[in-house]
């Protein structure tokens, strides 16, 4: 498997169950390159919009690479 698509429904159902006030998405890129894919960018946009609608903001999306990471927030990508 080389990709997984997260659904806003699944993420925010769990956030609601836990009474979360915000969510943070983190995943790794086994290739070691934390550069976000097109799907990473689209998923982040969808999750951010869903979180804003529900009042549970997405605070960041972090991609872990080999000895490095990329933060959407730090890179001003959200």
PDB file of N, CA and C in Angstrom:
ATOM      1  N   UNK A   1       0.856  -1.175   0.000  1.00  0.00           N
ATOM      2  CA  UNK A   1       0.000   0.000   0.000  1.00  0.00           C
ATOM      3  C   UNK A   1       0.899   1.235   0.000  1.00  0.00           C
ATOM      4  N   UNK A   2       0.574   2.172  -0.857  1.00  0.00           N
ATOM      5  CA  UNK A   2       1.377   3.387  -0.898  1.00  0.00           C
ATOM      6  C   UNK A   2       0.566   4.650  -0.641  1.00  0.00           C
ATOM      7  N   UNK A   3      -0.708   4.490  -0.302  1.00  0.00           N
ATOM      8  CA  UNK A   3      -1.491   5.664   0.063  1.00  0.00           C
ATOM      9  C   UNK A   3      -2.718   5.263   0.858  1.00  0.00           C
ATOM     10  N   UNK A   4      -3.154   6.189   1.669  1.00  0.00           N
ATOM     11  CA  UNK A   4      -4.379   6.039   2.435  1.00  0.00           C
ATOM     12  C   UNK A   4      -5.099   7.377   2.370  1.00  0.00           C
ATOM     13  N   UNK A   5      -6.387   7.345   2.171  1.00  0.00           N
ATOM     14  CA  UNK A   5      -7.153   8.587   2.128  1.00  0.00           C
ATOM     15  C   UNK A   5      -7.983   8.679   3.402  1.00  0.00           C
ATOM     16  N   UNK A   6      -7.739   9.731   4.155  1.00  0.00           N
ATOM     17  CA  UNK A   6      -8.481   9.957   5.389  1.00  0.00           C
ATOM     18  C   UNK A   6      -9.787  10.665   5.052  1.00  0.00           C
ATOM     19  N   UNK A   7     -10.831  10.302   5.770  1.00  0.00           N
ATOM     20  CA  UNK A   7     -12.119  10.947   5.532  1.00  0.00           C
ATOM     21  C   UNK A   7     -12.430  11.925   6.663  1.00  0.00           C
ATOM     22  N   UNK A   8     -12.921  13.124   6.314  1.00  0.00           N
ATOM     23  CA  UNK A   8     -13.310  14.071   7.358  1.00  0.00           C
ATOM     24  C   UNK A   8     -14.327  13.460   8.318  1.00  0.00           C
ATOM     25  N   UNK A   9     -15.231  12.656   7.794  1.00  0.00           N
ATOM     26  CA  UNK A   9     -16.249  12.027   8.645  1.00  0.00           C
ATOM     27  C   UNK A   9     -15.604  11.193   9.748  1.00  0.00           C
ATOM     28  N   UNK A  10     -14.668  10.321   9.379  1.00  0.00           N
ATOM     29  CA  UNK A  10     -14.015   9.457  10.366  1.00  0.00           C
ATOM     30  C   UNK A  10     -13.218  10.270  11.383  1.00  0.00           C
ATOM     31  N   UNK A  11     -12.443  11.232  10.891  1.00  0.00           N
ATOM     32  CA  UNK A  11     -11.614  12.036  11.788  1.00  0.00           C
ATOM     33  C   UNK A  11     -12.463  12.820  12.776  1.00  0.00           C
ATOM     34  N   UNK A  12     -13.485  13.495  12.281  1.00  0.00           N
ATOM     35  CA  UNK A  12     -14.254  14.370  13.156  1.00  0.00           C
ATOM     36  C   UNK A  12     -15.268  13.620  14.011  1.00  0.00           C
ATOM     37  N   UNK A  13     -15.720  12.439  13.593  1.00  0.00           N
ATOM     38  CA  UNK A  13     -16.540  11.617  14.494  1.00  0.00           C
ATOM     39  C   UNK A  13     -15.732  11.268  15.736  1.00  0.00           C
ATOM     40  N   UNK A  14     -14.480  10.876  15.524  1.00  0.00           N
ATOM     41  CA  UNK A  14     -13.614  10.549  16.664  1.00  0.00           C
ATOM     42  C   UNK A  14     -13.325  11.795  17.503  1.00  0.00           C
ATOM     43  N   UNK A  15     -13.086  12.921  16.862  1.00  0.00           N
ATOM     44  CA  UNK A  15     -12.844  14.170  17.594  1.00  0.00           C
ATOM     45  C   UNK A  15     -14.062  14.540  18.443  1.00  0.00           C
ATOM     46  N   UNK A  16     -15.257  14.369  17.895  1.00  0.00           N
ATOM     47  CA  UNK A  16     -16.482  14.657  18.654  1.00  0.00           C
ATOM     48  C   UNK A  16     -16.644  13.693  19.822  1.00  0.00           C
ATOM     49  N   UNK A  17     -16.364  12.405  19.586  1.00  0.00           N
ATOM     50  CA  UNK A  17     -16.452  11.416  20.678  1.00  0.00           C
ATOM     51  C   UNK A  17     -15.523  11.779  21.834  1.00  0.00           C
ATOM     52  N   UNK A  18     -14.352  12.287  21.499  1.00  0.00           N
ATOM     53  CA  UNK A  18     -13.344  12.630  22.513  1.00  0.00           C
ATOM     54  C   UNK A  18     -13.528  14.044  23.067  1.00  0.00           C
ATOM     55  N   UNK A  19     -14.530  14.752  22.577  1.00  0.00           N
ATOM     56  CA  UNK A  19     -14.766  16.140  22.963  1.00  0.00           C
ATOM     57  C   UNK A  19     -13.538  17.011  22.701  1.00  0.00           C
ATOM     58  N   UNK A  20     -12.879  16.754  21.579  1.00  0.00           N
ATOM     59  CA  UNK A  20     -11.676  17.507  21.208  1.00  0.00           C
ATOM     60  C   UNK A  20     -12.026  18.954  20.885  1.00  0.00           C
ATOM     61  N   UNK A  21     -11.103  19.845  21.177  1.00  0.00           N
ATOM     62  CA  UNK A  21     -11.289  21.257  20.835  1.00  0.00           C
ATOM     63  C   UNK A  21     -10.503  21.629  19.581  1.00  0.00           C
ATOM     64  N   UNK A  22      -9.626  20.738  19.128  1.00  0.00           N
ATOM     65  CA  UNK A  22      -8.888  20.914  17.878  1.00  0.00           C
ATOM     66  C   UNK A  22      -8.320  19.558  17.472  1.00  0.00           C
ATOM     67  N   UNK A  23      -7.837  19.466  16.244  1.00  0.00           N
ATOM     68  CA  UNK A  23      -7.217  18.225  15.769  1.00  0.00           C
ATOM     69  C   UNK A  23      -5.889  18.550  15.093  1.00  0.00           C
ATOM     70  N   UNK A  24      -5.016  17.548  15.089  1.00  0.00           N
ATOM     71  CA  UNK A  24      -3.710  17.635  14.457  1.00  0.00           C
ATOM     72  C   UNK A  24      -3.543  16.389  13.608  1.00  0.00           C
ATOM     73  N   UNK A  25      -3.222  16.562  12.351  1.00  0.00           N
ATOM     74  CA  UNK A  25      -2.986  15.408  11.474  1.00  0.00           C
ATOM     75  C   UNK A  25      -1.483  15.205  11.340  1.00  0.00           C
ATOM     76  N   UNK A  26      -1.050  13.949  11.482  1.00  0.00           N
ATOM     77  CA  UNK A  26       0.361  13.596  11.314  1.00  0.00           C
ATOM     78  C   UNK A  26       0.420  12.290  10.543  1.00  0.00           C
ATOM     79  N   UNK A  27       1.282  12.230   9.558  1.00  0.00           N
ATOM     80  CA  UNK A  27       1.536  10.961   8.881  1.00  0.00           C
ATOM     81  C   UNK A  27       2.962  10.965   8.346  1.00  0.00           C
ATOM     82  N   UNK A  28       3.412   9.801   7.914  1.00  0.00           N
ATOM     83  CA  UNK A  28       4.779   9.714   7.403  1.00  0.00           C
ATOM     84  C   UNK A  28       4.782   9.428   5.908  1.00  0.00           C
ATOM     85  N   UNK A  29       5.893   9.746   5.298  1.00  0.00           N
ATOM     86  CA  UNK A  29       6.160   9.375   3.912  1.00  0.00           C
ATOM     87  C   UNK A  29       7.315   8.379   3.953  1.00  0.00           C
ATOM     88  N   UNK A  30       7.041   7.102   3.725  1.00  0.00           N
ATOM     89  CA  UNK A  30       8.102   6.088   3.779  1.00  0.00           C
ATOM     90  C   UNK A  30       9.273   6.372   2.834  1.00  0.00           C
ATOM     91  N   UNK A  31       9.046   7.167   1.792  1.00  0.00           N
ATOM     92  CA  UNK A  31      10.133   7.517   0.866  1.00  0.00           C
ATOM     93  C   UNK A  31      11.199   8.365   1.553  1.00  0.00           C
ATOM     94  N   UNK A  32      10.825   8.985   2.688  1.00  0.00           N
ATOM     95  CA  UNK A  32      11.747   9.866   3.394  1.00  0.00           C
ATOM     96  C   UNK A  32      11.623  11.324   3.000  1.00  0.00           C
ATOM     97  N   UNK A  33      10.914  11.613   1.925  1.00  0.00           N
ATOM     98  CA  UNK A  33      10.726  12.982   1.438  1.00  0.00           C
ATOM     99  C   UNK A  33       9.391  13.510   1.964  1.00  0.00           C
ATOM    100  N   UNK A  34       9.422  14.519   2.845  1.00  0.00           N
ATOM    101  CA  UNK A  34       8.172  15.016   3.424  1.00  0.00           C
ATOM    102  C   UNK A  34       7.397  15.994   2.540  1.00  0.00           C
ATOM    103  N   UNK A  35       7.822  16.182   1.311  1.00  0.00           N
ATOM    104  CA  UNK A  35       7.096  17.080   0.406  1.00  0.00           C
ATOM    105  C   UNK A  35       5.660  16.586   0.243  1.00  0.00           C
ATOM    106  N   UNK A  36       4.674  17.459   0.488  1.00  0.00           N
ATOM    107  CA  UNK A  36       3.285  17.009   0.387  1.00  0.00           C
ATOM    108  C   UNK A  36       2.882  16.671  -1.044  1.00  0.00           C
ATOM    109  N   UNK A  37       2.141  15.588  -1.167  1.00  0.00           N
ATOM    110  CA  UNK A  37       1.587  15.204  -2.465  1.00  0.00           C
ATOM    111  C   UNK A  37       0.350  16.055  -2.747  1.00  0.00           C
ATOM    112  N   UNK A  38      -0.130  15.973  -3.963  1.00  0.00           N
ATOM    113  CA  UNK A  38      -1.381  16.662  -4.318  1.00  0.00           C
ATOM    114  C   UNK A  38      -2.506  16.184  -3.409  1.00  0.00           C
ATOM    115  N   UNK A  39      -2.544  14.870  -3.140  1.00  0.00           N
ATOM    116  CA  UNK A  39      -3.581  14.317  -2.263  1.00  0.00           C
ATOM    117  C   UNK A  39      -3.433  14.850  -0.838  1.00  0.00           C
ATOM    118  N   UNK A  40      -2.200  14.994  -0.334  1.00  0.00           N
ATOM    119  CA  UNK A  40      -1.976  15.570   0.999  1.00  0.00           C
ATOM    120  C   UNK A  40      -2.557  16.979   1.071  1.00  0.00           C
ATOM    121  N   UNK A  41      -2.315  17.758   0.041  1.00  0.00           N
ATOM    122  CA  UNK A  41      -2.794  19.146   0.013  1.00  0.00           C
ATOM    123  C   UNK A  41      -4.320  19.189  -0.045  1.00  0.00           C
ATOM    124  N   UNK A  42      -4.919  18.368  -0.892  1.00  0.00           N
ATOM    125  CA  UNK A  42      -6.387  18.325  -0.994  1.00  0.00           C
ATOM    126  C   UNK A  42      -7.023  17.835   0.305  1.00  0.00           C
ATOM    127  N   UNK A  43      -6.431  16.806   0.910  1.00  0.00           N
ATOM    128  CA  UNK A  43      -6.967  16.274   2.168  1.00  0.00           C
ATOM    129  C   UNK A  43      -6.890  17.328   3.264  1.00  0.00           C
ATOM    130  N   UNK A  44      -5.783  18.042   3.331  1.00  0.00           N
ATOM    131  CA  UNK A  44      -5.631  19.098   4.340  1.00  0.00           C
ATOM    132  C   UNK A  44      -6.700  20.168   4.155  1.00  0.00           C
ATOM    133  N   UNK A  45      -6.924  20.564   2.920  1.00  0.00           N
ATOM    134  CA  UNK A  45      -7.950  21.580   2.631  1.00  0.00           C
ATOM    135  C   UNK A  45      -9.330  21.097   3.080  1.00  0.00           C
ATOM    136  N   UNK A  46      -9.668  19.847   2.755  1.00  0.00           N
ATOM    137  CA  UNK A  46     -10.977  19.294   3.142  1.00  0.00           C
ATOM    138  C   UNK A  46     -11.118  19.223   4.664  1.00  0.00           C
ATOM    139  N   UNK A  47     -10.067  18.768   5.340  1.00  0.00           N
ATOM    140  CA  UNK A  47     -10.116  18.645   6.800  1.00  0.00           C
ATOM    141  C   UNK A  47     -10.219  20.020   7.455  1.00  0.00           C
ATOM    142  N   UNK A  48      -9.485  20.988   6.923  1.00  0.00           N
ATOM    143  CA  UNK A  48      -9.542  22.345   7.473  1.00  0.00           C
ATOM    144  C   UNK A  48     -10.953  22.913   7.330  1.00  0.00           C
ATOM    145  N   UNK A  49     -11.556  22.743   6.162  1.00  0.00           N
ATOM    146  CA  UNK A  49     -12.920  23.241   5.937  1.00  0.00           C
ATOM    147  C   UNK A  49     -13.921  22.544   6.850  1.00  0.00           C
ATOM    148  N   UNK A  50     -13.810  21.230   6.987  1.00  0.00           N
ATOM    149  CA  UNK A  50     -14.723  20.478   7.860  1.00  0.00           C
ATOM    150  C   UNK A  50     -14.557  20.921   9.308  1.00  0.00           C
ATOM    151  N   UNK A  51     -13.321  21.092   9.744  1.00  0.00           N
ATOM    152  CA  UNK A  51     -13.062  21.527  11.113  1.00  0.00           C
ATOM    153  C   UNK A  51     -13.628  22.904  11.396  1.00  0.00           C
ATOM    154  N   UNK A  52     -13.482  23.814  10.443  1.00  0.00           N
ATOM    155  CA  UNK A  52     -14.044  25.157  10.612  1.00  0.00           C
ATOM    156  C   UNK A  52     -15.562  25.086  10.729  1.00  0.00           C
ATOM    157  N   UNK A  53     -16.191  24.266   9.909  1.00  0.00           N
ATOM    158  CA  UNK A  53     -17.645  24.118   9.939  1.00  0.00           C
ATOM    159  C   UNK A  53     -18.112  23.569  11.286  1.00  0.00           C
ATOM    160  N   UNK A  54     -17.370  22.597  11.837  1.00  0.00           N
ATOM    161  CA  UNK A  54     -17.763  21.942  13.091  1.00  0.00           C
ATOM    162  C   UNK A  54     -17.274  22.668  14.341  1.00  0.00           C
ATOM    163  N   UNK A  55     -16.435  23.675  14.177  1.00  0.00           N
ATOM    164  CA  UNK A  55     -15.888  24.371  15.336  1.00  0.00           C
ATOM    165  C   UNK A  55     -14.780  23.585  16.024  1.00  0.00           C
ATOM    166  N   UNK A  56     -14.146  22.687  15.282  1.00  0.00           N
ATOM    167  CA  UNK A  56     -13.012  21.908  15.793  1.00  0.00           C
ATOM    168  C   UNK A  56     -11.866  22.138  14.800  1.00  0.00           C
ATOM    169  N   UNK A  57     -11.095  23.197  14.987  1.00  0.00           N
ATOM    170  CA  UNK A  57     -10.106  23.556  13.972  1.00  0.00           C
ATOM    171  C   UNK A  57      -8.975  22.536  13.816  1.00  0.00           C
ATOM    172  N   UNK A  58      -8.512  22.424  12.582  1.00  0.00           N
ATOM    173  CA  UNK A  58      -7.310  21.653  12.279  1.00  0.00           C
ATOM    174  C   UNK A  58      -6.136  22.575  12.568  1.00  0.00           C
ATOM    175  N   UNK A  59      -5.326  22.259  13.599  1.00  0.00           N
ATOM    176  CA  UNK A  59      -4.223  23.170  13.958  1.00  0.00           C
ATOM    177  C   UNK A  59      -2.998  23.018  13.072  1.00  0.00           C
ATOM    178  N   UNK A  60      -2.785  21.817  12.527  1.00  0.00           N
ATOM    179  CA  UNK A  60      -1.636  21.613  11.647  1.00  0.00           C
ATOM    180  C   UNK A  60      -1.751  20.240  10.994  1.00  0.00           C
ATOM    181  N   UNK A  61      -0.995  20.053   9.952  1.00  0.00           N
ATOM    182  CA  UNK A  61      -0.822  18.749   9.308  1.00  0.00           C
ATOM    183  C   UNK A  61       0.682  18.598   9.146  1.00  0.00           C
ATOM    184  N   UNK A  62       1.238  17.588   9.783  1.00  0.00           N
ATOM    185  CA  UNK A  62       2.684  17.368   9.777  1.00  0.00           C
ATOM    186  C   UNK A  62       2.983  16.086   9.017  1.00  0.00           C
ATOM    187  N   UNK A  63       3.949  16.171   8.111  1.00  0.00           N
ATOM    188  CA  UNK A  63       4.404  14.997   7.370  1.00  0.00           C
ATOM    189  C   UNK A  63       5.823  14.689   7.828  1.00  0.00           C
ATOM    190  N   UNK A  64       6.019  13.465   8.301  1.00  0.00           N
ATOM    191  CA  UNK A  64       7.323  13.025   8.788  1.00  0.00           C
ATOM    192  C   UNK A  64       8.085  12.374   7.642  1.00  0.00           C
ATOM    193  N   UNK A  65       9.321  12.800   7.455  1.00  0.00           N
ATOM    194  CA  UNK A  65      10.202  12.198   6.456  1.00  0.00           C
ATOM    195  C   UNK A  65      11.386  11.549   7.155  1.00  0.00           C
ATOM    196  N   UNK A  66      12.443  11.327   6.421  1.00  0.00           N
ATOM    197  CA  UNK A  66      13.656  10.724   6.962  1.00  0.00           C
ATOM    198  C   UNK A  66      14.514  11.815   7.603  1.00  0.00           C
ATOM    199  N   UNK A  67      14.524  11.871   8.925  1.00  0.00           N
ATOM    200  CA  UNK A  67      15.289  12.867   9.682  1.00  0.00           C
ATOM    201  C   UNK A  67      14.790  14.295   9.472  1.00  0.00           C
ATOM    202  N   UNK A  68      13.559  14.445   8.980  1.00  0.00           N
ATOM    203  CA  UNK A  68      13.011  15.776   8.746  1.00  0.00           C
ATOM    204  C   UNK A  68      11.486  15.707   8.752  1.00  0.00           C
ATOM    205  N   UNK A  69      10.851  16.848   8.693  1.00  0.00           N
ATOM    206  CA  UNK A  69       9.390  16.902   8.654  1.00  0.00           C
ATOM    207  C   UNK A  69       8.971  18.151   7.898  1.00  0.00           C
ATOM    208  N   UNK A  70       7.690  18.196   7.554  1.00  0.00           N
ATOM    209  CA  UNK A  70       7.101  19.394   6.975  1.00  0.00           C
ATOM    210  C   UNK A  70       5.826  19.698   7.748  1.00  0.00           C
ATOM    211  N   UNK A  71       5.705  20.928   8.205  1.00  0.00           N
ATOM    212  CA  UNK A  71       4.505  21.407   8.885  1.00  0.00           C
ATOM    213  C   UNK A  71       3.765  22.343   7.938  1.00  0.00           C
ATOM    214  N   UNK A  72       2.511  22.013   7.634  1.00  0.00           N
ATOM    215  CA  UNK A  72       1.712  22.888   6.774  1.00  0.00           C
ATOM    216  C   UNK A  72       1.608  24.275   7.401  1.00  0.00           C
ATOM    217  N   UNK A  73       1.469  24.345   8.719  1.00  0.00           N
ATOM    218  CA  UNK A  73       1.336  25.641   9.392  1.00  0.00           C
ATOM    219  C   UNK A  73       2.636  26.441   9.250  1.00  0.00           C
ATOM    220  N   UNK A  74       3.779  25.810   9.541  1.00  0.00           N
ATOM    221  CA  UNK A  74       5.056  26.521   9.443  1.00  0.00           C
ATOM    222  C   UNK A  74       5.345  26.985   8.015  1.00  0.00           C
ATOM    223  N   UNK A  75       4.885  26.222   7.036  1.00  0.00           N
ATOM    224  CA  UNK A  75       5.113  26.572   5.629  1.00  0.00           C
ATOM    225  C   UNK A  75       4.015  27.483   5.074  1.00  0.00           C
ATOM    226  N   UNK A  76       3.106  27.926   5.958  1.00  0.00           N
ATOM    227  CA  UNK A  76       1.994  28.810   5.561  1.00  0.00           C
ATOM    228  C   UNK A  76       1.158  28.192   4.446  1.00  0.00           C
ATOM    229  N   UNK A  77       0.917  26.887   4.572  1.00  0.00           N
ATOM    230  CA  UNK A  77       0.133  26.161   3.568  1.00  0.00           C
ATOM    231  C   UNK A  77      -1.297  25.912   4.030  1.00  0.00           C
ATOM    232  N   UNK A  78      -1.666  26.516   5.156  1.00  0.00           N
ATOM    233  CA  UNK A  78      -3.047  26.364   5.621  1.00  0.00           C
ATOM    234  C   UNK A  78      -3.499  27.607   6.344  1.00  0.00           C
TER     235      UNK A  78
END
